PDB file of all heavy atoms in Angstrom:
ATOM      1  N   GLN A   1      12.690 -22.749  10.192  1.00  0.00           N
ATOM      2  CA  GLN A   1      11.787 -21.957  11.020  1.00  0.00           C
ATOM      3  C   GLN A   1      10.391 -21.894  10.402  1.00  0.00           C
ATOM      4  O   GLN A   1       9.375 -22.006  11.098  1.00  0.00           O
ATOM      5  CB  GLN A   1      12.329 -20.531  11.178  1.00  0.00           C
ATOM      6  CG  GLN A   1      13.559 -20.403  12.052  1.00  0.00           C
ATOM      7  CD  GLN A   1      14.051 -18.976  12.063  1.00  0.00           C
ATOM      8  OE1 GLN A   1      14.520 -18.478  11.035  1.00  0.00           O
ATOM      9  NE2 GLN A   1      13.934 -18.312  13.201  1.00  0.00           N
ATOM     10  N   MET A   2      10.353 -21.733   9.099  1.00  0.00           N
ATOM     11  CA  MET A   2       9.056 -21.637   8.424  1.00  0.00           C
ATOM     12  C   MET A   2       8.280 -22.941   8.567  1.00  0.00           C
ATOM     13  O   MET A   2       7.069 -22.952   8.763  1.00  0.00           O
ATOM     14  CB  MET A   2       9.253 -21.302   6.951  1.00  0.00           C
ATOM     15  CG  MET A   2       9.965 -19.977   6.707  1.00  0.00           C
ATOM     16  SD  MET A   2       9.114 -18.576   7.466  1.00  0.00           S
ATOM     17  CE  MET A   2       7.578 -18.626   6.591  1.00  0.00           C
ATOM     18  N   ALA A   3       8.983 -24.067   8.487  1.00  0.00           N
ATOM     19  CA  ALA A   3       8.314 -25.359   8.646  1.00  0.00           C
ATOM     20  C   ALA A   3       7.766 -25.518  10.056  1.00  0.00           C
ATOM     21  O   ALA A   3       6.683 -26.078  10.256  1.00  0.00           O
ATOM     22  CB  ALA A   3       9.288 -26.487   8.319  1.00  0.00           C
ATOM     23  N   GLN A   4       8.484 -24.996  11.052  1.00  0.00           N
ATOM     24  CA  GLN A   4       8.013 -25.080  12.429  1.00  0.00           C
ATOM     25  C   GLN A   4       6.763 -24.233  12.642  1.00  0.00           C
ATOM     26  O   GLN A   4       5.876 -24.600  13.411  1.00  0.00           O
ATOM     27  CB  GLN A   4       9.126 -24.653  13.386  1.00  0.00           C
ATOM     28  CG  GLN A   4      10.300 -25.618  13.435  1.00  0.00           C
ATOM     29  CD  GLN A   4      11.455 -25.082  14.250  1.00  0.00           C
ATOM     30  OE1 GLN A   4      11.500 -23.886  14.585  1.00  0.00           O
ATOM     31  NE2 GLN A   4      12.409 -25.956  14.558  1.00  0.00           N
ATOM     32  N   VAL A   5       6.697 -23.110  11.961  1.00  0.00           N
ATOM     33  CA  VAL A   5       5.545 -22.227  12.075  1.00  0.00           C
ATOM     34  C   VAL A   5       4.277 -22.940  11.622  1.00  0.00           C
ATOM     35  O   VAL A   5       3.175 -22.686  12.133  1.00  0.00           O
ATOM     36  CB  VAL A   5       5.768 -20.940  11.253  1.00  0.00           C
ATOM     37  CG1 VAL A   5       4.466 -20.189  11.025  1.00  0.00           C
ATOM     38  CG2 VAL A   5       6.771 -20.046  11.950  1.00  0.00           C
ATOM     39  N   MET A   6       4.415 -23.859  10.680  1.00  0.00           N
ATOM     40  CA  MET A   6       3.250 -24.539  10.127  1.00  0.00           C
ATOM     41  C   MET A   6       2.438 -25.255  11.205  1.00  0.00           C
ATOM     42  O   MET A   6       1.231 -25.412  11.089  1.00  0.00           O
ATOM     43  CB  MET A   6       3.679 -25.557   9.068  1.00  0.00           C
ATOM     44  CG  MET A   6       4.454 -24.949   7.912  1.00  0.00           C
ATOM     45  SD  MET A   6       3.450 -23.813   6.978  1.00  0.00           S
ATOM     46  CE  MET A   6       2.281 -24.958   6.303  1.00  0.00           C
ATOM     47  N   THR A   7       3.098 -25.685  12.270  1.00  0.00           N
ATOM     48  CA  THR A   7       2.386 -26.412  13.314  1.00  0.00           C
ATOM     49  C   THR A   7       1.405 -25.523  14.066  1.00  0.00           C
ATOM     50  O   THR A   7       0.492 -26.018  14.732  1.00  0.00           O
ATOM     51  CB  THR A   7       3.387 -27.011  14.317  1.00  0.00           C
ATOM     52  OG1 THR A   7       4.135 -25.944  14.928  1.00  0.00           O
ATOM     53  CG2 THR A   7       4.352 -27.960  13.615  1.00  0.00           C
ATOM     54  N   ALA A   8       1.564 -24.199  13.947  1.00  0.00           N
ATOM     55  CA  ALA A   8       0.671 -23.276  14.646  1.00  0.00           C
ATOM     56  C   ALA A   8      -0.649 -23.084  13.910  1.00  0.00           C
ATOM     57  O   ALA A   8      -1.601 -22.546  14.479  1.00  0.00           O
ATOM     58  CB  ALA A   8       1.359 -21.919  14.838  1.00  0.00           C
ATOM     59  N   VAL A   9      -0.715 -23.509  12.666  1.00  0.00           N
ATOM     60  CA  VAL A   9      -1.918 -23.296  11.843  1.00  0.00           C
ATOM     61  C   VAL A   9      -2.333 -24.637  11.243  1.00  0.00           C
ATOM     62  O   VAL A   9      -1.831 -25.027  10.184  1.00  0.00           O
ATOM     63  CB  VAL A   9      -1.668 -22.253  10.734  1.00  0.00           C
ATOM     64  CG1 VAL A   9      -2.962 -21.949   9.998  1.00  0.00           C
ATOM     65  CG2 VAL A   9      -1.065 -20.989  11.310  1.00  0.00           C
ATOM     66  N   PRO A  10      -3.224 -25.383  11.882  1.00  0.00           N
ATOM     67  CA  PRO A  10      -3.643 -26.685  11.363  1.00  0.00           C
ATOM     68  C   PRO A  10      -4.219 -26.584   9.953  1.00  0.00           C
ATOM     69  O   PRO A  10      -4.953 -25.648   9.635  1.00  0.00           O
ATOM     70  CB  PRO A  10      -4.715 -27.128  12.360  1.00  0.00           C
ATOM     71  CG  PRO A  10      -4.415 -26.369  13.618  1.00  0.00           C
ATOM     72  CD  PRO A  10      -3.863 -25.052  13.168  1.00  0.00           C
ATOM     73  N   GLY A  11      -3.862 -27.536   9.125  1.00  0.00           N
ATOM     74  CA  GLY A  11      -4.392 -27.580   7.764  1.00  0.00           C
ATOM     75  C   GLY A  11      -3.677 -26.700   6.779  1.00  0.00           C
ATOM     76  O   GLY A  11      -4.016 -26.668   5.595  1.00  0.00           O
ATOM     77  N   CYS A  12      -2.655 -25.975   7.221  1.00  0.00           N
ATOM     78  CA  CYS A  12      -1.916 -25.065   6.331  1.00  0.00           C
ATOM     79  C   CYS A  12      -0.787 -25.833   5.644  1.00  0.00           C
ATOM     80  O   CYS A  12      -0.132 -26.685   6.249  1.00  0.00           O
ATOM     81  CB  CYS A  12      -1.360 -23.899   7.144  1.00  0.00           C
ATOM     82  SG  CYS A  12      -0.508 -22.658   6.163  1.00  0.00           S
ATOM     83  N   GLN A  13      -0.549 -25.529   4.379  1.00  0.00           N
ATOM     84  CA  GLN A  13       0.510 -26.176   3.614  1.00  0.00           C
ATOM     85  C   GLN A  13       1.468 -25.118   3.084  1.00  0.00           C
ATOM     86  O   GLN A  13       1.042 -24.040   2.658  1.00  0.00           O
ATOM     87  CB  GLN A  13      -0.073 -26.969   2.444  1.00  0.00           C
ATOM     88  CG  GLN A  13      -0.990 -28.105   2.869  1.00  0.00           C
ATOM     89  CD  GLN A  13      -1.590 -28.832   1.680  1.00  0.00           C
ATOM     90  OE1 GLN A  13      -1.483 -28.376   0.550  1.00  0.00           O
ATOM     91  NE2 GLN A  13      -2.228 -29.967   1.940  1.00  0.00           N
ATOM     92  N   LEU A  14       2.755 -25.433   3.129  1.00  0.00           N
ATOM     93  CA  LEU A  14       3.792 -24.508   2.669  1.00  0.00           C
ATOM     94  C   LEU A  14       4.445 -25.075   1.423  1.00  0.00           C
ATOM     95  O   LEU A  14       4.719 -26.261   1.333  1.00  0.00           O
ATOM     96  CB  LEU A  14       4.845 -24.329   3.767  1.00  0.00           C
ATOM     97  CG  LEU A  14       6.142 -23.615   3.379  1.00  0.00           C
ATOM     98  CD1 LEU A  14       5.872 -22.159   2.997  1.00  0.00           C
ATOM     99  CD2 LEU A  14       7.141 -23.691   4.528  1.00  0.00           C
ATOM    100  N   ARG A  15       4.666 -24.208   0.463  1.00  0.00           N
ATOM    101  CA  ARG A  15       5.411 -24.633  -0.721  1.00  0.00           C
ATOM    102  C   ARG A  15       6.294 -23.483  -1.184  1.00  0.00           C
ATOM    103  O   ARG A  15       6.020 -22.303  -0.908  1.00  0.00           O
ATOM    104  CB  ARG A  15       4.470 -25.074  -1.848  1.00  0.00           C
ATOM    105  CG  ARG A  15       3.620 -23.977  -2.439  1.00  0.00           C
ATOM    106  CD  ARG A  15       2.634 -24.550  -3.457  1.00  0.00           C
ATOM    107  NE  ARG A  15       1.795 -23.512  -4.022  1.00  0.00           N
ATOM    108  CZ  ARG A  15       2.054 -22.861  -5.158  1.00  0.00           C
ATOM    109  NH1 ARG A  15       3.148 -23.156  -5.832  1.00  0.00           N
ATOM    110  NH2 ARG A  15       1.236 -21.940  -5.613  1.00  0.00           N
ATOM    111  N   TRP A  16       7.364 -23.838  -1.905  1.00  0.00           N
ATOM    112  CA  TRP A  16       8.275 -22.854  -2.476  1.00  0.00           C
ATOM    113  C   TRP A  16       8.140 -22.958  -3.993  1.00  0.00           C
ATOM    114  O   TRP A  16       8.455 -23.981  -4.590  1.00  0.00           O
ATOM    115  CB  TRP A  16       9.717 -23.149  -2.059  1.00  0.00           C
ATOM    116  CG  TRP A  16       9.864 -23.388  -0.588  1.00  0.00           C
ATOM    117  CD1 TRP A  16       9.902 -24.585   0.047  1.00  0.00           C
ATOM    118  CD2 TRP A  16       9.959 -22.399   0.435  1.00  0.00           C
ATOM    119  NE1 TRP A  16      10.024 -24.425   1.400  1.00  0.00           N
ATOM    120  CE2 TRP A  16      10.069 -23.084   1.667  1.00  0.00           C
ATOM    121  CE3 TRP A  16       9.966 -21.003   0.438  1.00  0.00           C
ATOM    122  CZ2 TRP A  16      10.181 -22.423   2.880  1.00  0.00           C
ATOM    123  CZ3 TRP A  16      10.086 -20.345   1.648  1.00  0.00           C
ATOM    124  CH2 TRP A  16      10.189 -21.042   2.855  1.00  0.00           C
ATOM    125  N   ALA A  17       7.625 -21.929  -4.599  1.00  0.00           N
ATOM    126  CA  ALA A  17       7.377 -21.975  -6.039  1.00  0.00           C
ATOM    127  C   ALA A  17       7.392 -20.562  -6.587  1.00  0.00           C
ATOM    128  O   ALA A  17       7.324 -19.581  -5.833  1.00  0.00           O
ATOM    129  CB  ALA A  17       6.033 -22.642  -6.332  1.00  0.00           C
ATOM    130  N   ALA A  18       7.440 -20.484  -7.915  1.00  0.00           N
ATOM    131  CA  ALA A  18       7.396 -19.166  -8.548  1.00  0.00           C
ATOM    132  C   ALA A  18       6.056 -18.505  -8.242  1.00  0.00           C
ATOM    133  O   ALA A  18       5.025 -19.175  -8.193  1.00  0.00           O
ATOM    134  CB  ALA A  18       7.575 -19.306 -10.054  1.00  0.00           C
ATOM    135  N   PRO A  19       6.049 -17.208  -8.026  1.00  0.00           N
ATOM    136  CA  PRO A  19       4.794 -16.533  -7.681  1.00  0.00           C
ATOM    137  C   PRO A  19       3.832 -16.526  -8.855  1.00  0.00           C
ATOM    138  O   PRO A  19       4.259 -16.517 -10.017  1.00  0.00           O
ATOM    139  CB  PRO A  19       5.248 -15.112  -7.342  1.00  0.00           C
ATOM    140  CG  PRO A  19       6.525 -14.923  -8.089  1.00  0.00           C
ATOM    141  CD  PRO A  19       7.183 -16.267  -8.107  1.00  0.00           C
ATOM    142  N   PRO A  20       2.520 -16.567  -8.568  1.00  0.00           N
ATOM    143  CA  PRO A  20       1.554 -16.445  -9.660  1.00  0.00           C
ATOM    144  C   PRO A  20       1.613 -15.056 -10.265  1.00  0.00           C
ATOM    145  O   PRO A  20       2.133 -14.119  -9.665  1.00  0.00           O
ATOM    146  CB  PRO A  20       0.203 -16.682  -8.964  1.00  0.00           C
ATOM    147  CG  PRO A  20       0.454 -16.284  -7.551  1.00  0.00           C
ATOM    148  CD  PRO A  20       1.891 -16.635  -7.263  1.00  0.00           C
ATOM    149  N   GLN A  21       1.098 -14.946 -11.466  1.00  0.00           N
ATOM    150  CA  GLN A  21       1.076 -13.654 -12.145  1.00  0.00           C
ATOM    151  C   GLN A  21       0.269 -12.659 -11.327  1.00  0.00           C
ATOM    152  O   GLN A  21      -0.833 -12.946 -10.859  1.00  0.00           O
ATOM    153  CB  GLN A  21       0.458 -13.799 -13.537  1.00  0.00           C
ATOM    154  CG  GLN A  21       0.480 -12.513 -14.337  1.00  0.00           C
ATOM    155  CD  GLN A  21      -0.075 -12.723 -15.733  1.00  0.00           C
ATOM    156  OE1 GLN A  21      -0.441 -13.834 -16.097  1.00  0.00           O
ATOM    157  NE2 GLN A  21      -0.130 -11.673 -16.510  1.00  0.00           N
ATOM    158  N   ALA A  22       0.819 -11.487 -11.106  1.00  0.00           N
ATOM    159  CA  ALA A  22       0.140 -10.477 -10.301  1.00  0.00           C
ATOM    160  C   ALA A  22      -1.171 -10.060 -10.961  1.00  0.00           C
ATOM    161  O   ALA A  22      -1.247  -9.896 -12.183  1.00  0.00           O
ATOM    162  CB  ALA A  22       1.040  -9.262 -10.128  1.00  0.00           C
ATOM    163  N   LYS A  23      -2.187  -9.889 -10.150  1.00  0.00           N
ATOM    164  CA  LYS A  23      -3.490  -9.481 -10.662  1.00  0.00           C
ATOM    165  C   LYS A  23      -3.562  -7.966 -10.699  1.00  0.00           C
ATOM    166  O   LYS A  23      -3.236  -7.295  -9.718  1.00  0.00           O
ATOM    167  CB  LYS A  23      -4.593 -10.049  -9.763  1.00  0.00           C
ATOM    168  CG  LYS A  23      -5.933 -10.147 -10.440  1.00  0.00           C
ATOM    169  CD  LYS A  23      -6.891 -10.960  -9.615  1.00  0.00           C
ATOM    170  CE  LYS A  23      -8.163 -11.254 -10.401  1.00  0.00           C
ATOM    171  NZ  LYS A  23      -9.127 -12.027  -9.621  1.00  0.00           N
ATOM    172  N   PRO A  24      -3.978  -7.372 -11.804  1.00  0.00           N
ATOM    173  CA  PRO A  24      -4.044  -5.917 -11.874  1.00  0.00           C
ATOM    174  C   PRO A  24      -4.979  -5.355 -10.811  1.00  0.00           C
ATOM    175  O   PRO A  24      -5.957  -5.977 -10.417  1.00  0.00           O
ATOM    176  CB  PRO A  24      -4.605  -5.657 -13.291  1.00  0.00           C
ATOM    177  CG  PRO A  24      -4.365  -6.927 -14.035  1.00  0.00           C
ATOM    178  CD  PRO A  24      -4.399  -8.025 -13.041  1.00  0.00           C
ATOM    179  N   THR A  25      -4.649  -4.186 -10.318  1.00  0.00           N
ATOM    180  CA  THR A  25      -5.495  -3.553  -9.309  1.00  0.00           C
ATOM    181  C   THR A  25      -6.543  -2.648  -9.939  1.00  0.00           C
ATOM    182  O   THR A  25      -7.424  -2.161  -9.246  1.00  0.00           O
ATOM    183  CB  THR A  25      -4.637  -2.730  -8.344  1.00  0.00           C
ATOM    184  OG1 THR A  25      -3.869  -1.775  -9.091  1.00  0.00           O
ATOM    185  CG2 THR A  25      -3.674  -3.634  -7.584  1.00  0.00           C
ATOM    186  N   THR A  26      -6.451  -2.405 -11.227  1.00  0.00           N
ATOM    187  CA  THR A  26      -7.472  -1.633 -11.925  1.00  0.00           C
ATOM    188  C   THR A  26      -7.857  -2.362 -13.197  1.00  0.00           C
ATOM    189  O   THR A  26      -7.130  -3.236 -13.672  1.00  0.00           O
ATOM    190  CB  THR A  26      -6.974  -0.221 -12.282  1.00  0.00           C
ATOM    191  OG1 THR A  26      -5.789  -0.337 -13.091  1.00  0.00           O
ATOM    192  CG2 THR A  26      -6.643   0.578 -11.026  1.00  0.00           C
ATOM    193  N   LEU A  27      -8.991  -2.010 -13.744  1.00  0.00           N
ATOM    194  CA  LEU A  27      -9.467  -2.673 -14.950  1.00  0.00           C
ATOM    195  C   LEU A  27      -8.721  -2.162 -16.179  1.00  0.00           C
ATOM    196  O   LEU A  27      -8.169  -1.058 -16.183  1.00  0.00           O
ATOM    197  CB  LEU A  27     -10.960  -2.410 -15.112  1.00  0.00           C
ATOM    198  CG  LEU A  27     -11.855  -2.866 -13.963  1.00  0.00           C
ATOM    199  CD1 LEU A  27     -13.308  -2.596 -14.308  1.00  0.00           C
ATOM    200  CD2 LEU A  27     -11.647  -4.332 -13.660  1.00  0.00           C
ATOM    201  N   PRO A  28      -8.718  -2.963 -17.248  1.00  0.00           N
ATOM    202  CA  PRO A  28      -8.117  -2.480 -18.494  1.00  0.00           C
ATOM    203  C   PRO A  28      -8.929  -1.322 -19.058  1.00  0.00           C
ATOM    204  O   PRO A  28     -10.076  -1.102 -18.673  1.00  0.00           O
ATOM    205  CB  PRO A  28      -8.185  -3.712 -19.404  1.00  0.00           C
ATOM    206  CG  PRO A  28      -9.273  -4.559 -18.846  1.00  0.00           C
ATOM    207  CD  PRO A  28      -9.248  -4.329 -17.372  1.00  0.00           C
ATOM    208  N   PRO A  29      -8.359  -0.553 -19.984  1.00  0.00           N
ATOM    209  CA  PRO A  29      -9.100   0.579 -20.565  1.00  0.00           C
ATOM    210  C   PRO A  29     -10.356   0.084 -21.286  1.00  0.00           C
ATOM    211  O   PRO A  29     -10.384  -1.026 -21.828  1.00  0.00           O
ATOM    212  CB  PRO A  29      -8.105   1.185 -21.571  1.00  0.00           C
ATOM    213  CG  PRO A  29      -6.772   0.684 -21.144  1.00  0.00           C
ATOM    214  CD  PRO A  29      -6.989  -0.653 -20.516  1.00  0.00           C
ATOM    215  N   PRO A  30     -11.416   0.898 -21.306  1.00  0.00           N
ATOM    216  CA  PRO A  30     -12.630   0.490 -22.036  1.00  0.00           C
ATOM    217  C   PRO A  30     -12.370   0.398 -23.526  1.00  0.00           C
ATOM    218  O   PRO A  30     -11.414   0.978 -24.060  1.00  0.00           O
ATOM    219  CB  PRO A  30     -13.633   1.590 -21.701  1.00  0.00           C
ATOM    220  CG  PRO A  30     -12.802   2.761 -21.285  1.00  0.00           C
ATOM    221  CD  PRO A  30     -11.576   2.199 -20.650  1.00  0.00           C
ATOM    222  N   LEU A  31     -13.241  -0.347 -24.196  1.00  0.00           N
ATOM    223  CA  LEU A  31     -13.132  -0.511 -25.641  1.00  0.00           C
ATOM    224  C   LEU A  31     -13.720   0.697 -26.367  1.00  0.00           C
ATOM    225  O   LEU A  31     -14.567   1.409 -25.814  1.00  0.00           O
ATOM    226  CB  LEU A  31     -13.873  -1.775 -26.066  1.00  0.00           C
ATOM    227  CG  LEU A  31     -13.381  -3.083 -25.451  1.00  0.00           C
ATOM    228  CD1 LEU A  31     -14.311  -4.227 -25.857  1.00  0.00           C
ATOM    229  CD2 LEU A  31     -11.961  -3.377 -25.872  1.00  0.00           C
ATOM    230  N   PRO A  32     -13.313   0.934 -27.615  1.00  0.00           N
ATOM    231  CA  PRO A  32     -13.980   1.981 -28.399  1.00  0.00           C
ATOM    232  C   PRO A  32     -15.470   1.676 -28.519  1.00  0.00           C
ATOM    233  O   PRO A  32     -15.857   0.534 -28.791  1.00  0.00           O
ATOM    234  CB  PRO A  32     -13.277   1.907 -29.761  1.00  0.00           C
ATOM    235  CG  PRO A  32     -11.960   1.245 -29.484  1.00  0.00           C
ATOM    236  CD  PRO A  32     -12.201   0.291 -28.353  1.00  0.00           C
ATOM    237  N   ARG A  33     -16.300   2.679 -28.323  1.00  0.00           N
ATOM    238  CA  ARG A  33     -17.739   2.449 -28.329  1.00  0.00           C
ATOM    239  C   ARG A  33     -18.240   2.199 -29.753  1.00  0.00           C
ATOM    240  O   ARG A  33     -18.071   3.043 -30.633  1.00  0.00           O
ATOM    241  CB  ARG A  33     -18.463   3.659 -27.746  1.00  0.00           C
ATOM    242  CG  ARG A  33     -19.969   3.422 -27.544  1.00  0.00           C
ATOM    243  CD  ARG A  33     -20.691   4.720 -27.185  1.00  0.00           C
ATOM    244  NE  ARG A  33     -20.175   5.343 -26.001  1.00  0.00           N
ATOM    245  CZ  ARG A  33     -20.523   5.030 -24.754  1.00  0.00           C
ATOM    246  NH1 ARG A  33     -21.372   4.027 -24.562  1.00  0.00           N
ATOM    247  NH2 ARG A  33     -20.020   5.674 -23.722  1.00  0.00           N
TER     248      ARG A  33
END
């Protein structure tokens, strides 16, 4: 089904792979001044 969906979006590519490392939603703590 997922492969069939690809035909609805030209230029889209599907792959099955391990997810990339999640990006933090907040910055790391500041450094000591």
